[in-house]
Amino acid sequence: MGMPFELNTMIVTKGLEERVSGNLFTLTKAGYRLYPLDIPLEVRKTKDSDPNGTGIIKKVELENEQTVIVYELISLNSTN
């Protein structure tokens, strides 16, 4: 029996990210997802929105049919 698994190359928050401290955030996603570690990735609110910034994933945890990532926001795109 297989399990569903998804490979992601950008961080899509849908506004559900939580600040841990400073520029460090956690995000919990449903299902099992694999993300590249220590590589800059676009951070977006939705899959089709413009990038909000760039983040580097520091930690990925797969448990109980969900994925928890810890990422550091290294740059923020501003409209100002």
C-alpha atoms as a PDB file:
ATOM      1  CA  MET A   1       0.000   0.000   0.000  1.00  0.00           C
ATOM      2  CA  GLY A   2       1.398   3.373  -1.010  1.00  0.00           C
ATOM      3  CA  MET A   3       1.080   6.745   0.629  1.00  0.00           C
ATOM      4  CA  PRO A   4       0.427  10.093  -1.052  1.00  0.00           C
ATOM      5  CA  PHE A   5       3.545  12.240  -1.138  1.00  0.00           C
ATOM      6  CA  GLU A   6       4.105  15.667  -2.686  1.00  0.00           C
ATOM      7  CA  LEU A   7       7.325  17.476  -3.686  1.00  0.00           C
ATOM      8  CA  ASN A   8       7.130  21.260  -3.191  1.00  0.00           C
ATOM      9  CA  THR A   9       9.502  23.872  -4.618  1.00  0.00           C
ATOM     10  CA  MET A  10       7.921  26.974  -3.072  1.00  0.00           C
ATOM     11  CA  ILE A  11       6.420  27.838   0.301  1.00  0.00           C
ATOM     12  CA  VAL A  12       2.669  28.574   0.037  1.00  0.00           C
ATOM     13  CA  THR A  13       1.390  29.909   3.365  1.00  0.00           C
ATOM     14  CA  LYS A  14      -2.313  30.676   2.749  1.00  0.00           C
ATOM     15  CA  GLY A  15      -1.891  33.020   5.726  1.00  0.00           C
ATOM     16  CA  LEU A  16      -1.418  30.111   8.153  1.00  0.00           C
ATOM     17  CA  GLU A  17       2.234  30.711   9.064  1.00  0.00           C
ATOM     18  CA  GLU A  18       3.108  31.398  12.703  1.00  0.00           C
ATOM     19  CA  ARG A  19       6.068  33.502  13.799  1.00  0.00           C
ATOM     20  CA  VAL A  20       8.377  31.648  16.188  1.00  0.00           C
ATOM     21  CA  SER A  21      10.854  34.489  16.715  1.00  0.00           C
ATOM     22  CA  GLY A  22      12.409  37.184  14.575  1.00  0.00           C
ATOM     23  CA  ASN A  23      12.325  35.943  10.970  1.00  0.00           C
ATOM     24  CA  LEU A  24      11.642  32.291  11.889  1.00  0.00           C
ATOM     25  CA  PHE A  25       8.215  30.859  11.049  1.00  0.00           C
ATOM     26  CA  THR A  26       6.405  27.507  11.285  1.00  0.00           C
ATOM     27  CA  LEU A  27       3.809  26.269   8.831  1.00  0.00           C
ATOM     28  CA  THR A  28       1.673  23.123   9.088  1.00  0.00           C
ATOM     29  CA  LYS A  29       0.406  21.575   5.857  1.00  0.00           C
ATOM     30  CA  ALA A  30      -1.981  18.637   5.404  1.00  0.00           C
ATOM     31  CA  GLY A  31      -0.464  15.479   3.945  1.00  0.00           C
ATOM     32  CA  TYR A  32       3.149  14.446   3.504  1.00  0.00           C
ATOM     33  CA  ARG A  33       5.285  16.953   1.603  1.00  0.00           C
ATOM     34  CA  LEU A  34       8.973  17.077   0.807  1.00  0.00           C
ATOM     35  CA  TYR A  35      10.821  20.401   0.622  1.00  0.00           C
ATOM     36  CA  PRO A  36      14.457  21.142  -0.236  1.00  0.00           C
ATOM     37  CA  LEU A  37      16.466  22.255   2.810  1.00  0.00           C
ATOM     38  CA  ASP A  38      18.879  25.201   2.990  1.00  0.00           C
ATOM     39  CA  ILE A  39      17.973  26.486  -0.496  1.00  0.00           C
ATOM     40  CA  PRO A  40      16.207  29.835  -1.065  1.00  0.00           C
ATOM     41  CA  LEU A  41      12.543  29.317  -2.082  1.00  0.00           C
ATOM     42  CA  GLU A  42       9.800  31.765  -2.994  1.00  0.00           C
ATOM     43  CA  VAL A  43       7.276  32.447  -0.229  1.00  0.00           C
ATOM     44  CA  ARG A  44       3.748  33.082  -1.528  1.00  0.00           C
ATOM     45  CA  LYS A  45       0.350  33.542   0.094  1.00  0.00           C
ATOM     46  CA  THR A  46      -1.321  31.423  -2.616  1.00  0.00           C
ATOM     47  CA  LYS A  47       0.105  29.314  -5.420  1.00  0.00           C
ATOM     48  CA  ASP A  48      -0.883  31.880  -8.057  1.00  0.00           C
ATOM     49  CA  SER A  49      -0.038  35.084  -6.149  1.00  0.00           C
ATOM     50  CA  ASP A  50       3.115  37.161  -6.550  1.00  0.00           C
ATOM     51  CA  PRO A  51       6.002  36.164  -4.259  1.00  0.00           C
ATOM     52  CA  ASN A  52       5.930  37.835  -0.827  1.00  0.00           C
ATOM     53  CA  GLY A  53       9.588  37.096  -0.226  1.00  0.00           C
ATOM     54  CA  THR A  54      12.236  34.412  -0.039  1.00  0.00           C
ATOM     55  CA  GLY A  55      12.700  31.808   2.670  1.00  0.00           C
ATOM     56  CA  ILE A  56      15.052  28.994   3.570  1.00  0.00           C
ATOM     57  CA  ILE A  57      13.584  25.854   5.117  1.00  0.00           C
ATOM     58  CA  LYS A  58      15.518  24.781   8.188  1.00  0.00           C
ATOM     59  CA  LYS A  59      13.450  21.797   9.360  1.00  0.00           C
ATOM     60  CA  VAL A  60      10.778  19.425   7.995  1.00  0.00           C
ATOM     61  CA  GLU A  61       8.731  17.073  10.198  1.00  0.00           C
ATOM     62  CA  LEU A  62       6.400  14.416   8.757  1.00  0.00           C
ATOM     63  CA  GLU A  63       3.934  12.979  11.259  1.00  0.00           C
ATOM     64  CA  ASN A  64       0.246  12.102  11.599  1.00  0.00           C
ATOM     65  CA  GLU A  65      -0.507  12.778   7.911  1.00  0.00           C
ATOM     66  CA  GLN A  66       0.773  16.338   8.097  1.00  0.00           C
ATOM     67  CA  THR A  67       3.982  18.212   7.427  1.00  0.00           C
ATOM     68  CA  VAL A  68       5.410  20.898   9.693  1.00  0.00           C
ATOM     69  CA  ILE A  69       8.135  23.138   8.274  1.00  0.00           C
ATOM     70  CA  VAL A  70      10.295  25.712   9.999  1.00  0.00           C
ATOM     71  CA  TYR A  71      11.607  28.378   7.659  1.00  0.00           C
ATOM     72  CA  GLU A  72      13.584  31.587   7.903  1.00  0.00           C
ATOM     73  CA  LEU A  73      12.386  34.574   5.896  1.00  0.00           C
ATOM     74  CA  ILE A  74      15.541  36.017   4.354  1.00  0.00           C
ATOM     75  CA  SER A  75      13.977  38.718   2.184  1.00  0.00           C
ATOM     76  CA  LEU A  76      10.596  40.413   1.992  1.00  0.00           C
ATOM     77  CA  ASN A  77       9.099  41.952  -1.144  1.00  0.00           C
ATOM     78  CA  SER A  78       7.360  45.217  -0.339  1.00  0.00           C
ATOM     79  CA  THR A  79       4.956  47.315  -2.399  1.00  0.00           C
ATOM     80  CA  ASN A  80       6.288  50.540  -0.840  1.00  0.00           C
END
